[in-house]
N, C-alpha and C. Protein backbone atom coordinates (compact mmCIF):
# COMPACT_ATOMS: atom_id res chain seq x y z
N MET A 1 1.16 -14.35 6.36
CA MET A 1 2.18 -13.56 5.72
C MET A 1 2.09 -13.68 4.20
N ASP A 2 1.40 -14.73 3.72
CA ASP A 2 1.22 -14.87 2.28
C ASP A 2 0.40 -13.72 1.71
N LEU A 3 -0.62 -13.28 2.45
CA LEU A 3 -1.43 -12.16 1.98
C LEU A 3 -0.64 -10.85 1.98
N VAL A 4 0.23 -10.68 2.96
CA VAL A 4 1.07 -9.48 3.00
C VAL A 4 1.99 -9.47 1.79
N ASP A 5 2.56 -10.63 1.48
CA ASP A 5 3.43 -10.74 0.31
C ASP A 5 2.65 -10.46 -0.97
N LEU A 6 1.44 -10.95 -1.05
CA LEU A 6 0.59 -10.71 -2.22
C LEU A 6 0.31 -9.21 -2.37
N ALA A 7 0.03 -8.53 -1.29
CA ALA A 7 -0.22 -7.09 -1.34
C ALA A 7 1.03 -6.34 -1.79
N ARG A 8 2.17 -6.73 -1.26
CA ARG A 8 3.42 -6.07 -1.67
C ARG A 8 3.69 -6.26 -3.15
N ARG A 9 3.38 -7.43 -3.67
CA ARG A 9 3.61 -7.70 -5.10
C ARG A 9 2.75 -6.81 -5.99
N GLN A 10 1.56 -6.46 -5.53
CA GLN A 10 0.70 -5.58 -6.32
C GLN A 10 1.33 -4.19 -6.45
N VAL A 11 2.00 -3.76 -5.41
CA VAL A 11 2.67 -2.45 -5.44
C VAL A 11 3.85 -2.49 -6.39
N ASP A 12 4.52 -3.65 -6.50
CA ASP A 12 5.65 -3.78 -7.42
C ASP A 12 5.26 -3.46 -8.86
N HIS A 13 4.02 -3.71 -9.22
CA HIS A 13 3.56 -3.49 -10.59
C HIS A 13 3.47 -2.00 -10.94
N LEU A 14 3.63 -1.12 -9.96
CA LEU A 14 3.64 0.31 -10.23
C LEU A 14 5.02 0.78 -10.69
N GLY A 15 5.98 -0.12 -10.70
CA GLY A 15 7.32 0.24 -11.15
C GLY A 15 8.18 0.78 -10.01
N PRO A 16 9.18 1.57 -10.36
CA PRO A 16 10.09 2.09 -9.33
C PRO A 16 9.39 2.86 -8.21
N ALA A 17 8.34 3.60 -8.53
CA ALA A 17 7.63 4.35 -7.49
C ALA A 17 6.99 3.41 -6.48
N GLY A 18 6.45 2.30 -6.95
CA GLY A 18 5.83 1.32 -6.06
C GLY A 18 6.85 0.62 -5.19
N ILE A 19 7.98 0.29 -5.78
CA ILE A 19 9.04 -0.38 -5.04
C ILE A 19 9.57 0.54 -3.94
N THR A 20 9.73 1.81 -4.27
CA THR A 20 10.17 2.79 -3.28
C THR A 20 9.11 3.00 -2.21
N ALA A 21 7.84 2.96 -2.59
CA ALA A 21 6.74 3.22 -1.65
C ALA A 21 6.69 2.21 -0.52
N LYS A 22 7.12 0.99 -0.78
CA LYS A 22 7.02 -0.04 0.26
C LYS A 22 8.29 -0.20 1.08
N ARG A 23 9.22 0.72 0.93
CA ARG A 23 10.47 0.66 1.68
C ARG A 23 10.20 0.63 3.18
N ASN A 24 10.94 -0.19 3.89
CA ASN A 24 10.86 -0.35 5.36
C ASN A 24 9.57 -1.01 5.84
N GLN A 25 8.78 -1.58 4.96
CA GLN A 25 7.56 -2.27 5.37
C GLN A 25 7.88 -3.77 5.51
N THR A 26 8.53 -4.11 6.59
CA THR A 26 8.97 -5.49 6.82
C THR A 26 7.86 -6.32 7.45
N ASN A 27 8.07 -7.62 7.47
CA ASN A 27 7.11 -8.52 8.13
C ASN A 27 6.98 -8.17 9.61
N GLU A 28 8.10 -7.85 10.25
CA GLU A 28 8.07 -7.52 11.66
C GLU A 28 7.24 -6.26 11.91
N ARG A 29 7.38 -5.26 11.05
CA ARG A 29 6.61 -4.04 11.19
C ARG A 29 5.12 -4.31 10.99
N PHE A 30 4.81 -5.17 9.99
CA PHE A 30 3.42 -5.52 9.76
C PHE A 30 2.82 -6.21 10.98
N LEU A 31 3.55 -7.16 11.56
CA LEU A 31 3.05 -7.88 12.73
C LEU A 31 2.85 -6.94 13.92
N LYS A 32 3.70 -5.94 14.05
CA LYS A 32 3.58 -4.99 15.15
C LYS A 32 2.42 -4.02 14.94
N LYS A 33 2.30 -3.48 13.72
CA LYS A 33 1.29 -2.45 13.44
C LYS A 33 -0.04 -3.02 12.95
N GLY A 34 0.02 -4.14 12.21
CA GLY A 34 -1.20 -4.74 11.69
C GLY A 34 -1.58 -4.27 10.29
N PHE A 35 -0.73 -3.45 9.68
CA PHE A 35 -1.01 -2.97 8.33
C PHE A 35 0.29 -2.52 7.67
N LEU A 36 0.26 -2.35 6.35
CA LEU A 36 1.38 -1.79 5.62
C LEU A 36 1.06 -0.32 5.36
N ARG A 37 2.04 0.53 5.48
CA ARG A 37 1.84 1.95 5.19
C ARG A 37 2.80 2.31 4.06
N LEU A 38 2.22 2.60 2.91
CA LEU A 38 3.03 2.91 1.74
C LEU A 38 3.31 4.40 1.67
N ALA A 39 4.46 4.72 1.15
CA ALA A 39 4.79 6.13 0.94
C ALA A 39 3.78 6.72 -0.03
N PRO A 40 3.57 8.01 0.02
CA PRO A 40 2.55 8.63 -0.84
C PRO A 40 2.73 8.29 -2.32
N LEU A 41 1.63 7.91 -2.93
CA LEU A 41 1.58 7.63 -4.36
C LEU A 41 0.72 8.69 -5.03
N THR A 42 0.87 8.85 -6.33
CA THR A 42 0.01 9.79 -7.04
C THR A 42 -1.40 9.22 -7.12
N ARG A 43 -2.36 10.05 -7.49
CA ARG A 43 -3.74 9.57 -7.61
C ARG A 43 -3.85 8.46 -8.63
N THR A 44 -3.17 8.61 -9.75
CA THR A 44 -3.20 7.59 -10.80
C THR A 44 -2.63 6.28 -10.28
N GLN A 45 -1.53 6.33 -9.56
CA GLN A 45 -0.93 5.12 -9.01
C GLN A 45 -1.85 4.48 -7.98
N ARG A 46 -2.50 5.29 -7.15
CA ARG A 46 -3.44 4.73 -6.17
C ARG A 46 -4.59 4.02 -6.87
N ARG A 47 -5.12 4.64 -7.93
CA ARG A 47 -6.22 4.01 -8.66
C ARG A 47 -5.79 2.68 -9.26
N LYS A 48 -4.60 2.65 -9.87
CA LYS A 48 -4.09 1.40 -10.45
C LYS A 48 -3.95 0.32 -9.38
N LEU A 49 -3.43 0.72 -8.22
CA LEU A 49 -3.25 -0.23 -7.13
C LEU A 49 -4.59 -0.75 -6.63
N MET A 50 -5.57 0.14 -6.50
CA MET A 50 -6.89 -0.27 -6.03
C MET A 50 -7.55 -1.23 -7.01
N VAL A 51 -7.37 -1.01 -8.31
CA VAL A 51 -7.94 -1.92 -9.31
C VAL A 51 -7.26 -3.28 -9.22
N ARG A 52 -5.94 -3.29 -9.11
CA ARG A 52 -5.21 -4.56 -9.02
C ARG A 52 -5.66 -5.35 -7.79
N ILE A 53 -5.82 -4.67 -6.66
CA ILE A 53 -6.20 -5.36 -5.43
C ILE A 53 -7.65 -5.83 -5.50
N SER A 54 -8.54 -5.02 -6.07
CA SER A 54 -9.94 -5.46 -6.18
C SER A 54 -10.07 -6.65 -7.12
N ASN A 55 -9.22 -6.73 -8.14
CA ASN A 55 -9.26 -7.86 -9.07
C ASN A 55 -8.79 -9.17 -8.43
N LEU A 56 -8.08 -9.07 -7.32
CA LEU A 56 -7.63 -10.28 -6.63
C LEU A 56 -8.80 -11.02 -6.01
N GLY A 57 -9.83 -10.28 -5.63
CA GLY A 57 -10.99 -10.91 -4.99
C GLY A 57 -10.71 -11.39 -3.58
N GLU A 58 -9.72 -10.80 -2.95
CA GLU A 58 -9.34 -11.19 -1.58
C GLU A 58 -9.83 -10.11 -0.62
N PRO A 59 -10.87 -10.40 0.18
CA PRO A 59 -11.43 -9.37 1.06
C PRO A 59 -10.50 -8.94 2.20
N ALA A 60 -9.47 -9.72 2.48
CA ALA A 60 -8.57 -9.37 3.58
C ALA A 60 -7.59 -8.26 3.20
N ILE A 61 -7.47 -7.99 1.89
CA ILE A 61 -6.55 -6.95 1.43
C ILE A 61 -7.39 -5.77 0.94
N LYS A 62 -7.12 -4.60 1.48
CA LYS A 62 -7.84 -3.41 1.03
C LYS A 62 -6.92 -2.20 1.08
N VAL A 63 -7.27 -1.21 0.30
CA VAL A 63 -6.54 0.04 0.29
C VAL A 63 -7.38 1.05 1.05
N GLN A 64 -6.78 1.65 2.03
CA GLN A 64 -7.49 2.64 2.83
C GLN A 64 -6.61 3.87 2.96
N PRO A 65 -7.03 4.99 2.37
CA PRO A 65 -6.23 6.20 2.51
C PRO A 65 -6.28 6.71 3.94
N PHE A 66 -5.23 7.34 4.36
CA PHE A 66 -5.23 7.93 5.68
C PHE A 66 -5.02 9.42 5.53
N LYS A 67 -5.57 10.17 6.47
CA LYS A 67 -5.48 11.61 6.42
C LYS A 67 -4.38 12.09 7.36
N ASN A 68 -3.65 13.07 6.89
CA ASN A 68 -2.61 13.66 7.71
C ASN A 68 -3.26 14.48 8.82
N PRO A 69 -2.99 14.18 10.07
CA PRO A 69 -3.60 14.95 11.16
C PRO A 69 -3.06 16.38 11.23
N ASN A 70 -1.97 16.64 10.50
CA ASN A 70 -1.36 17.97 10.49
C ASN A 70 -1.29 18.48 9.05
N PRO A 71 -2.42 18.91 8.49
CA PRO A 71 -2.40 19.37 7.10
C PRO A 71 -1.52 20.62 6.95
N LEU A 72 -1.05 20.80 5.73
CA LEU A 72 -0.23 21.96 5.45
C LEU A 72 -1.05 23.24 5.56
N PRO A 73 -0.48 24.30 6.09
CA PRO A 73 -1.22 25.57 6.18
C PRO A 73 -1.46 26.14 4.78
N GLN A 74 -2.57 26.84 4.64
CA GLN A 74 -2.89 27.39 3.32
C GLN A 74 -2.59 28.86 3.24
C-alpha cells in the first residue's frame, strides 16, 4: 500500500485537477481492481505525471492510458 500512496502523492502535485482525478480511488478499490483509475487529465497533466513517476525509478508504478471502448460518434 506504500506504493499506492506514493502514486497518489504524485497526482497531488498536479494541483486541484490531480486531487479531483483521484476521487473514490480508495485502498479497498485498489485491492479489488489491482490498479488506480484516475479521472481524465489533460495531455499536459498526463505528461507531467509520467515524468514525475519515471523520476521515482520505481518499476512497479506506471502510467498506462486506457481506451474508451465506446468512442464518441463523429
